[in-house]
Amino acid sequence: MSPDVEIVTTAARPDLIPVAAEWIWREWGIRRGRALAAVAARMAARTAPCGPEQSIVLLDGGVPAATASLVHQDLDARPDLTPWLASVFVHPDFRGRGHAPRLVRSIEASCAAAGVATLYLNSHTAVPLYAKLGWQPIGSAADLDTVVTVMRRDLALRG
């Protein structure tokens, strides 16, 4: 990782929650009818130091640039699967710098360290990115009015 890039949890840096929550709200929350305050509260409640549930923010040169979360549930159509990599978002000003893979790898490492063997995600726009990172499609599901691809990643556990 570049010396100008740092990934922190929102539990360690709660001051970053307002900006990250607004990104998530604008990208997905509005469509789901969620209030910005509710998105921020959910993010603030994710305080696990390792494993689910947590939210992370990537800082590029000290500036918030991207966020992702690790949650127990992220797709109503698949309540049988847990935990989920969710809400991976890179601010447009910081795209093309490899930040999304950094976020994904950070969440994967946290899961592996916590003994989580398998992680899931759903996407309708970034399937090729996740496939490049070793995620496998396992099916599709409806998410509101969109069909998403459900993917899984089997993690190498520390032990």
N, C-alpha and C. Protein backbone atom coordinates (compact mmCIF):
# COMPACT_ATOMS: atom_id res chain seq x y z
N MET A 1 0.85 -1.18 0.00
CA MET A 1 0.00 0.00 0.00
C MET A 1 0.89 1.23 0.00
N SER A 2 0.50 2.22 -0.74
CA SER A 2 1.22 3.48 -0.83
C SER A 2 1.30 4.12 0.55
N PRO A 3 2.41 4.81 0.84
CA PRO A 3 2.50 5.47 2.16
C PRO A 3 1.46 6.57 2.33
N ASP A 4 0.88 7.04 1.23
CA ASP A 4 -0.15 8.08 1.32
C ASP A 4 -1.55 7.49 1.46
N VAL A 5 -1.66 6.15 1.51
CA VAL A 5 -2.95 5.48 1.63
C VAL A 5 -3.01 4.78 2.98
N GLU A 6 -4.11 5.02 3.68
CA GLU A 6 -4.32 4.40 4.98
C GLU A 6 -5.78 3.94 5.06
N ILE A 7 -6.01 2.78 5.64
CA ILE A 7 -7.37 2.29 5.85
C ILE A 7 -7.62 2.23 7.34
N VAL A 8 -8.72 2.87 7.76
CA VAL A 8 -9.07 2.93 9.18
C VAL A 8 -10.51 2.48 9.36
N THR A 9 -10.83 1.99 10.55
CA THR A 9 -12.22 1.66 10.85
C THR A 9 -12.95 2.92 11.30
N THR A 10 -14.25 2.94 11.07
CA THR A 10 -15.02 4.08 11.57
C THR A 10 -15.15 4.02 13.09
N ALA A 11 -14.93 2.84 13.69
CA ALA A 11 -14.91 2.76 15.15
C ALA A 11 -13.72 3.55 15.69
N ALA A 12 -12.59 3.47 14.99
CA ALA A 12 -11.39 4.21 15.41
C ALA A 12 -11.47 5.68 15.01
N ARG A 13 -12.18 5.96 13.92
CA ARG A 13 -12.28 7.34 13.39
C ARG A 13 -13.74 7.70 13.14
N PRO A 14 -14.54 7.84 14.21
CA PRO A 14 -15.95 8.17 14.03
C PRO A 14 -16.18 9.51 13.32
N ASP A 15 -15.18 10.36 13.30
CA ASP A 15 -15.30 11.64 12.59
C ASP A 15 -15.48 11.45 11.08
N LEU A 16 -15.15 10.25 10.57
CA LEU A 16 -15.29 9.97 9.14
C LEU A 16 -16.67 9.45 8.76
N ILE A 17 -17.49 9.12 9.75
CA ILE A 17 -18.81 8.57 9.48
C ILE A 17 -19.69 9.51 8.65
N PRO A 18 -19.77 10.80 8.96
CA PRO A 18 -20.68 11.65 8.15
C PRO A 18 -20.37 11.63 6.66
N VAL A 19 -19.11 11.71 6.28
CA VAL A 19 -18.80 11.73 4.84
C VAL A 19 -19.05 10.37 4.21
N ALA A 20 -18.63 9.29 4.85
CA ALA A 20 -18.83 7.95 4.29
C ALA A 20 -20.31 7.60 4.24
N ALA A 21 -21.06 7.95 5.27
CA ALA A 21 -22.50 7.66 5.29
C ALA A 21 -23.21 8.43 4.17
N GLU A 22 -22.79 9.64 3.91
CA GLU A 22 -23.44 10.39 2.83
C GLU A 22 -23.18 9.74 1.48
N TRP A 23 -21.95 9.24 1.27
CA TRP A 23 -21.67 8.52 0.02
C TRP A 23 -22.61 7.33 -0.15
N ILE A 24 -22.72 6.53 0.91
CA ILE A 24 -23.54 5.31 0.87
C ILE A 24 -25.01 5.67 0.68
N TRP A 25 -25.46 6.70 1.37
CA TRP A 25 -26.84 7.14 1.26
C TRP A 25 -27.15 7.58 -0.17
N ARG A 26 -26.28 8.39 -0.76
CA ARG A 26 -26.51 8.88 -2.12
C ARG A 26 -26.48 7.73 -3.14
N GLU A 27 -25.57 6.78 -2.94
CA GLU A 27 -25.40 5.68 -3.90
C GLU A 27 -26.51 4.63 -3.80
N TRP A 28 -26.88 4.27 -2.57
CA TRP A 28 -27.85 3.18 -2.38
C TRP A 28 -29.01 3.51 -1.45
N GLY A 29 -28.79 4.33 -0.45
CA GLY A 29 -29.79 4.58 0.58
C GLY A 29 -31.03 5.29 0.09
N ILE A 30 -30.86 6.30 -0.75
CA ILE A 30 -32.01 7.04 -1.26
C ILE A 30 -32.95 6.08 -1.99
N ARG A 31 -32.38 5.24 -2.84
CA ARG A 31 -33.17 4.27 -3.62
C ARG A 31 -33.96 3.32 -2.72
N ARG A 32 -33.40 3.04 -1.55
CA ARG A 32 -34.04 2.13 -0.61
C ARG A 32 -34.97 2.85 0.36
N GLY A 33 -35.07 4.17 0.23
CA GLY A 33 -35.94 4.94 1.11
C GLY A 33 -35.39 5.15 2.50
N ARG A 34 -34.10 5.04 2.64
CA ARG A 34 -33.47 5.22 3.95
C ARG A 34 -33.11 6.68 4.18
N ALA A 35 -33.16 7.11 5.41
CA ALA A 35 -32.74 8.45 5.78
C ALA A 35 -31.23 8.47 5.99
N LEU A 36 -30.61 9.59 5.69
CA LEU A 36 -29.17 9.73 5.89
C LEU A 36 -28.79 9.44 7.34
N ALA A 37 -29.57 9.92 8.28
CA ALA A 37 -29.27 9.68 9.70
C ALA A 37 -29.29 8.20 10.03
N ALA A 38 -30.17 7.45 9.40
CA ALA A 38 -30.24 6.00 9.65
C ALA A 38 -29.01 5.30 9.09
N VAL A 39 -28.55 5.72 7.92
CA VAL A 39 -27.34 5.14 7.33
C VAL A 39 -26.15 5.43 8.24
N ALA A 40 -26.04 6.65 8.72
CA ALA A 40 -24.94 7.02 9.62
C ALA A 40 -25.00 6.23 10.92
N ALA A 41 -26.20 6.04 11.46
CA ALA A 41 -26.35 5.29 12.71
C ALA A 41 -25.94 3.83 12.52
N ARG A 42 -26.31 3.25 11.40
CA ARG A 42 -25.91 1.86 11.13
C ARG A 42 -24.39 1.76 11.04
N MET A 43 -23.78 2.72 10.37
CA MET A 43 -22.34 2.71 10.23
C MET A 43 -21.67 2.88 11.61
N ALA A 44 -22.21 3.77 12.42
CA ALA A 44 -21.64 4.01 13.76
C ALA A 44 -21.75 2.78 14.66
N ALA A 45 -22.75 1.93 14.41
CA ALA A 45 -22.94 0.73 15.23
C ALA A 45 -21.99 -0.41 14.86
N ARG A 46 -21.30 -0.28 13.75
CA ARG A 46 -20.37 -1.33 13.31
C ARG A 46 -19.02 -1.08 13.95
N THR A 47 -18.81 -1.69 15.10
CA THR A 47 -17.62 -1.37 15.90
C THR A 47 -16.67 -2.55 16.13
N ALA A 48 -16.89 -3.68 15.47
CA ALA A 48 -16.01 -4.83 15.69
C ALA A 48 -14.58 -4.48 15.29
N PRO A 49 -13.60 -4.81 16.12
CA PRO A 49 -12.21 -4.54 15.76
C PRO A 49 -11.70 -5.48 14.68
N CYS A 50 -12.37 -6.63 14.54
CA CYS A 50 -11.97 -7.63 13.57
C CYS A 50 -13.21 -8.45 13.23
N GLY A 51 -13.43 -8.70 11.94
CA GLY A 51 -14.61 -9.46 11.55
C GLY A 51 -15.86 -8.60 11.57
N PRO A 52 -17.04 -9.26 11.39
CA PRO A 52 -18.28 -8.49 11.31
C PRO A 52 -18.70 -7.97 12.69
N GLU A 53 -19.37 -6.88 12.72
CA GLU A 53 -19.66 -5.90 11.70
C GLU A 53 -18.70 -4.72 11.87
N GLN A 54 -18.26 -4.18 10.75
CA GLN A 54 -17.38 -3.02 10.77
C GLN A 54 -17.49 -2.25 9.46
N SER A 55 -17.13 -0.99 9.52
CA SER A 55 -17.03 -0.15 8.33
C SER A 55 -15.63 0.42 8.31
N ILE A 56 -15.09 0.56 7.10
CA ILE A 56 -13.75 1.10 6.93
C ILE A 56 -13.79 2.27 5.96
N VAL A 57 -12.81 3.15 6.11
CA VAL A 57 -12.63 4.27 5.20
C VAL A 57 -11.18 4.29 4.76
N LEU A 58 -10.98 4.45 3.47
CA LEU A 58 -9.64 4.58 2.91
C LEU A 58 -9.34 6.06 2.77
N LEU A 59 -8.19 6.45 3.32
CA LEU A 59 -7.71 7.82 3.22
C LEU A 59 -6.59 7.87 2.19
N ASP A 60 -6.69 8.79 1.27
CA ASP A 60 -5.67 8.99 0.24
C ASP A 60 -5.06 10.37 0.50
N GLY A 61 -3.82 10.38 0.97
CA GLY A 61 -3.20 11.65 1.33
C GLY A 61 -3.93 12.33 2.48
N GLY A 62 -4.53 11.54 3.35
CA GLY A 62 -5.26 12.07 4.50
C GLY A 62 -6.70 12.46 4.21
N VAL A 63 -7.12 12.35 2.95
CA VAL A 63 -8.47 12.74 2.53
C VAL A 63 -9.33 11.48 2.38
N PRO A 64 -10.54 11.47 2.97
CA PRO A 64 -11.43 10.32 2.76
C PRO A 64 -11.69 10.12 1.27
N ALA A 65 -11.44 8.89 0.79
CA ALA A 65 -11.53 8.61 -0.64
C ALA A 65 -12.46 7.45 -0.96
N ALA A 66 -12.67 6.54 0.00
CA ALA A 66 -13.43 5.33 -0.30
C ALA A 66 -13.90 4.69 1.00
N THR A 67 -14.89 3.82 0.88
CA THR A 67 -15.42 3.13 2.05
C THR A 67 -15.93 1.75 1.67
N ALA A 68 -16.04 0.89 2.67
CA ALA A 68 -16.64 -0.43 2.52
C ALA A 68 -17.08 -0.90 3.90
N SER A 69 -17.97 -1.87 3.91
CA SER A 69 -18.44 -2.42 5.18
C SER A 69 -18.46 -3.94 5.15
N LEU A 70 -18.44 -4.50 6.32
CA LEU A 70 -18.59 -5.93 6.54
C LEU A 70 -19.81 -6.09 7.43
N VAL A 71 -20.87 -6.71 6.89
CA VAL A 71 -22.14 -6.79 7.59
C VAL A 71 -22.65 -8.23 7.64
N HIS A 72 -23.55 -8.48 8.58
CA HIS A 72 -24.13 -9.81 8.69
C HIS A 72 -25.09 -10.11 7.55
N GLN A 73 -25.85 -9.09 7.10
CA GLN A 73 -26.86 -9.31 6.07
C GLN A 73 -26.88 -8.14 5.10
N ASP A 74 -26.91 -8.46 3.80
CA ASP A 74 -26.93 -7.38 2.80
C ASP A 74 -27.88 -7.66 1.64
N LEU A 75 -28.56 -8.79 1.66
CA LEU A 75 -29.45 -9.10 0.54
C LEU A 75 -30.65 -9.86 1.08
N ASP A 76 -31.80 -9.19 1.08
CA ASP A 76 -33.01 -9.80 1.65
C ASP A 76 -33.34 -11.15 1.02
N ALA A 77 -33.02 -11.31 -0.26
CA ALA A 77 -33.34 -12.56 -0.95
C ALA A 77 -32.45 -13.73 -0.51
N ARG A 78 -31.36 -13.45 0.20
CA ARG A 78 -30.45 -14.52 0.63
C ARG A 78 -30.11 -14.40 2.12
N PRO A 79 -31.09 -14.56 2.99
CA PRO A 79 -30.83 -14.47 4.43
C PRO A 79 -29.98 -15.63 4.95
N ASP A 80 -29.81 -16.66 4.13
CA ASP A 80 -29.04 -17.83 4.53
C ASP A 80 -27.54 -17.59 4.44
N LEU A 81 -27.11 -16.53 3.79
CA LEU A 81 -25.69 -16.27 3.61
C LEU A 81 -25.21 -15.17 4.54
N THR A 82 -24.03 -15.35 5.12
CA THR A 82 -23.43 -14.35 6.00
C THR A 82 -21.97 -14.70 6.21
N PRO A 83 -21.11 -13.70 6.42
CA PRO A 83 -21.29 -12.26 6.35
C PRO A 83 -21.06 -11.74 4.92
N TRP A 84 -21.29 -10.45 4.76
CA TRP A 84 -21.26 -9.81 3.44
C TRP A 84 -20.28 -8.65 3.39
N LEU A 85 -19.52 -8.59 2.32
CA LEU A 85 -18.80 -7.37 1.94
C LEU A 85 -19.87 -6.48 1.32
N ALA A 86 -20.00 -5.26 1.81
CA ALA A 86 -21.10 -4.40 1.35
C ALA A 86 -20.63 -2.95 1.18
N SER A 87 -21.38 -2.24 0.39
CA SER A 87 -21.21 -0.78 0.26
C SER A 87 -19.79 -0.37 -0.10
N VAL A 88 -19.20 -1.07 -1.04
CA VAL A 88 -17.88 -0.66 -1.53
C VAL A 88 -18.08 0.55 -2.43
N PHE A 89 -17.50 1.66 -2.03
CA PHE A 89 -17.69 2.90 -2.78
C PHE A 89 -16.39 3.69 -2.81
N VAL A 90 -15.98 4.09 -4.00
CA VAL A 90 -14.81 4.96 -4.17
C VAL A 90 -15.32 6.27 -4.75
N HIS A 91 -14.99 7.37 -4.08
CA HIS A 91 -15.41 8.68 -4.56
C HIS A 91 -14.88 8.89 -5.97
N PRO A 92 -15.68 9.48 -6.87
CA PRO A 92 -15.26 9.65 -8.27
C PRO A 92 -13.90 10.33 -8.44
N ASP A 93 -13.55 11.25 -7.55
CA ASP A 93 -12.26 11.94 -7.67
C ASP A 93 -11.07 11.02 -7.42
N PHE A 94 -11.32 9.84 -6.85
CA PHE A 94 -10.24 8.93 -6.47
C PHE A 94 -10.29 7.60 -7.20
N ARG A 95 -11.15 7.48 -8.20
CA ARG A 95 -11.26 6.22 -8.93
C ARG A 95 -10.05 6.03 -9.85
N GLY A 96 -9.77 4.77 -10.17
CA GLY A 96 -8.66 4.44 -11.04
C GLY A 96 -7.33 4.38 -10.33
N ARG A 97 -7.34 4.37 -9.01
CA ARG A 97 -6.10 4.33 -8.22
C ARG A 97 -5.92 3.01 -7.47
N GLY A 98 -6.79 2.04 -7.74
CA GLY A 98 -6.66 0.75 -7.08
C GLY A 98 -7.25 0.71 -5.68
N HIS A 99 -8.10 1.67 -5.34
CA HIS A 99 -8.65 1.71 -3.98
C HIS A 99 -9.70 0.63 -3.72
N ALA A 100 -10.52 0.30 -4.70
CA ALA A 100 -11.53 -0.74 -4.47
C ALA A 100 -10.87 -2.07 -4.10
N PRO A 101 -9.85 -2.54 -4.85
CA PRO A 101 -9.19 -3.77 -4.43
C PRO A 101 -8.56 -3.67 -3.03
N ARG A 102 -8.05 -2.51 -2.68
CA ARG A 102 -7.48 -2.33 -1.33
C ARG A 102 -8.55 -2.52 -0.26
N LEU A 103 -9.72 -1.94 -0.49
CA LEU A 103 -10.82 -2.10 0.46
C LEU A 103 -11.24 -3.57 0.58
N VAL A 104 -11.39 -4.23 -0.57
CA VAL A 104 -11.80 -5.64 -0.59
C VAL A 104 -10.78 -6.48 0.18
N ARG A 105 -9.52 -6.31 -0.11
CA ARG A 105 -8.48 -7.10 0.57
C ARG A 105 -8.44 -6.82 2.07
N SER A 106 -8.70 -5.59 2.47
CA SER A 106 -8.73 -5.25 3.89
C SER A 106 -9.86 -5.98 4.60
N ILE A 107 -11.05 -5.98 4.00
CA ILE A 107 -12.18 -6.70 4.59
C ILE A 107 -11.91 -8.20 4.61
N GLU A 108 -11.36 -8.74 3.53
CA GLU A 108 -11.03 -10.17 3.50
C GLU A 108 -10.05 -10.53 4.60
N ALA A 109 -9.03 -9.71 4.81
CA ALA A 109 -8.02 -9.98 5.84
C ALA A 109 -8.65 -9.94 7.23
N SER A 110 -9.54 -8.99 7.45
CA SER A 110 -10.22 -8.91 8.74
C SER A 110 -11.06 -10.15 9.00
N CYS A 111 -11.75 -10.62 7.97
CA CYS A 111 -12.55 -11.84 8.10
C CYS A 111 -11.68 -13.05 8.40
N ALA A 112 -10.60 -13.20 7.63
CA ALA A 112 -9.71 -14.34 7.84
C ALA A 112 -9.14 -14.33 9.26
N ALA A 113 -8.74 -13.16 9.74
CA ALA A 113 -8.20 -13.05 11.09
C ALA A 113 -9.25 -13.39 12.15
N ALA A 114 -10.52 -13.14 11.84
CA ALA A 114 -11.60 -13.43 12.78
C ALA A 114 -12.12 -14.86 12.65
N GLY A 115 -11.53 -15.65 11.73
CA GLY A 115 -11.94 -17.03 11.56
C GLY A 115 -13.14 -17.21 10.65
N VAL A 116 -13.49 -16.20 9.88
CA VAL A 116 -14.58 -16.29 8.92
C VAL A 116 -14.05 -16.97 7.67
N ALA A 117 -14.62 -18.10 7.31
CA ALA A 117 -14.09 -18.90 6.20
C ALA A 117 -14.60 -18.45 4.83
N THR A 118 -15.82 -17.92 4.78
CA THR A 118 -16.44 -17.55 3.51
C THR A 118 -17.13 -16.21 3.65
N LEU A 119 -16.99 -15.42 2.61
CA LEU A 119 -17.55 -14.07 2.58
C LEU A 119 -18.38 -13.95 1.30
N TYR A 120 -19.45 -13.15 1.35
CA TYR A 120 -20.35 -12.98 0.22
C TYR A 120 -20.47 -11.51 -0.16
N LEU A 121 -20.90 -11.27 -1.40
CA LEU A 121 -21.23 -9.92 -1.86
C LEU A 121 -22.27 -10.04 -2.95
N ASN A 122 -22.89 -8.91 -3.26
CA ASN A 122 -23.76 -8.87 -4.43
C ASN A 122 -23.45 -7.60 -5.20
N SER A 123 -23.53 -7.72 -6.52
CA SER A 123 -23.22 -6.58 -7.38
C SER A 123 -23.95 -6.72 -8.71
N HIS A 124 -24.26 -5.60 -9.30
CA HIS A 124 -24.76 -5.63 -10.67
C HIS A 124 -23.86 -4.81 -11.58
N THR A 125 -22.86 -4.14 -11.01
CA THR A 125 -21.99 -3.29 -11.83
C THR A 125 -20.52 -3.67 -11.79
N ALA A 126 -20.07 -4.36 -10.75
CA ALA A 126 -18.64 -4.58 -10.57
C ALA A 126 -18.23 -6.05 -10.56
N VAL A 127 -19.04 -6.90 -11.13
CA VAL A 127 -18.75 -8.34 -11.15
C VAL A 127 -17.35 -8.62 -11.73
N PRO A 128 -16.96 -8.01 -12.86
CA PRO A 128 -15.61 -8.29 -13.39
C PRO A 128 -14.49 -7.92 -12.42
N LEU A 129 -14.64 -6.82 -11.70
CA LEU A 129 -13.63 -6.43 -10.70
C LEU A 129 -13.50 -7.52 -9.64
N TYR A 130 -14.62 -7.94 -9.07
CA TYR A 130 -14.58 -8.95 -8.02
C TYR A 130 -14.06 -10.29 -8.54
N ALA A 131 -14.42 -10.65 -9.75
CA ALA A 131 -13.91 -11.90 -10.34
C ALA A 131 -12.39 -11.86 -10.45
N LYS A 132 -11.84 -10.72 -10.85
CA LYS A 132 -10.38 -10.56 -10.92
C LYS A 132 -9.72 -10.75 -9.56
N LEU A 133 -10.47 -10.44 -8.49
CA LEU A 133 -9.95 -10.56 -7.13
C LEU A 133 -10.20 -11.93 -6.51
N GLY A 134 -10.71 -12.87 -7.32
CA GLY A 134 -10.87 -14.24 -6.85
C GLY A 134 -12.26 -14.60 -6.35
N TRP A 135 -13.23 -13.72 -6.52
CA TRP A 135 -14.60 -14.01 -6.12
C TRP A 135 -15.28 -14.85 -7.19
N GLN A 136 -16.13 -15.77 -6.75
CA GLN A 136 -16.82 -16.69 -7.66
C GLN A 136 -18.32 -16.39 -7.66
N PRO A 137 -18.93 -16.27 -8.85
CA PRO A 137 -20.40 -16.12 -8.88
C PRO A 137 -21.07 -17.42 -8.44
N ILE A 138 -22.11 -17.29 -7.63
CA ILE A 138 -22.83 -18.47 -7.18
C ILE A 138 -24.31 -18.41 -7.54
N GLY A 139 -24.72 -17.34 -8.22
CA GLY A 139 -26.11 -17.23 -8.63
C GLY A 139 -26.52 -15.78 -8.77
N SER A 140 -27.82 -15.60 -8.95
CA SER A 140 -28.35 -14.26 -9.04
C SER A 140 -29.57 -14.16 -8.14
N ALA A 141 -29.95 -12.92 -7.85
CA ALA A 141 -31.10 -12.69 -6.98
C ALA A 141 -31.67 -11.31 -7.28
N ALA A 142 -32.91 -11.12 -6.89
CA ALA A 142 -33.53 -9.80 -7.04
C ALA A 142 -33.18 -8.94 -5.84
N ASP A 143 -32.83 -7.71 -6.14
CA ASP A 143 -32.59 -6.70 -5.11
C ASP A 143 -33.39 -5.47 -5.53
N LEU A 144 -34.53 -5.28 -4.90
CA LEU A 144 -35.52 -4.29 -5.33
C LEU A 144 -35.86 -4.56 -6.79
N ASP A 145 -35.59 -3.62 -7.68
CA ASP A 145 -35.95 -3.81 -9.09
C ASP A 145 -34.76 -4.21 -9.96
N THR A 146 -33.69 -4.67 -9.33
CA THR A 146 -32.46 -5.02 -10.05
C THR A 146 -32.10 -6.48 -9.80
N VAL A 147 -31.60 -7.14 -10.81
CA VAL A 147 -31.05 -8.48 -10.63
C VAL A 147 -29.55 -8.32 -10.37
N VAL A 148 -29.10 -8.90 -9.26
CA VAL A 148 -27.69 -8.81 -8.89
C VAL A 148 -27.04 -10.19 -8.98
N THR A 149 -25.74 -10.17 -9.15
CA THR A 149 -24.96 -11.41 -9.09
C THR A 149 -24.48 -11.59 -7.66
N VAL A 150 -24.72 -12.77 -7.11
CA VAL A 150 -24.24 -13.11 -5.77
C VAL A 150 -22.91 -13.82 -5.95
N MET A 151 -21.90 -13.39 -5.18
CA MET A 151 -20.56 -13.94 -5.30
C MET A 151 -20.05 -14.37 -3.93
N ARG A 152 -19.10 -15.31 -3.93
CA ARG A 152 -18.50 -15.74 -2.68
C ARG A 152 -17.00 -15.80 -2.82
N ARG A 153 -16.35 -15.70 -1.67
CA ARG A 153 -14.90 -15.78 -1.61
C ARG A 153 -14.55 -16.67 -0.42
N ASP A 154 -13.86 -17.77 -0.70
CA ASP A 154 -13.38 -18.63 0.36
C ASP A 154 -12.01 -18.10 0.79
N LEU A 155 -11.86 -17.89 2.07
CA LEU A 155 -10.69 -17.21 2.61
C LEU A 155 -9.70 -18.19 3.22
N ALA A 156 -8.44 -17.86 3.09
CA ALA A 156 -7.38 -18.62 3.76
C ALA A 156 -7.34 -18.13 5.21
N LEU A 157 -7.63 -19.03 6.14
CA LEU A 157 -7.68 -18.65 7.54
C LEU A 157 -6.30 -18.73 8.16
N ARG A 158 -6.05 -17.79 9.05
CA ARG A 158 -4.81 -17.81 9.83
C ARG A 158 -4.96 -18.85 10.92
N GLY A 159 -3.91 -19.53 11.21
CA GLY A 159 -4.08 -20.51 12.26
C GLY A 159 -2.85 -21.09 12.64
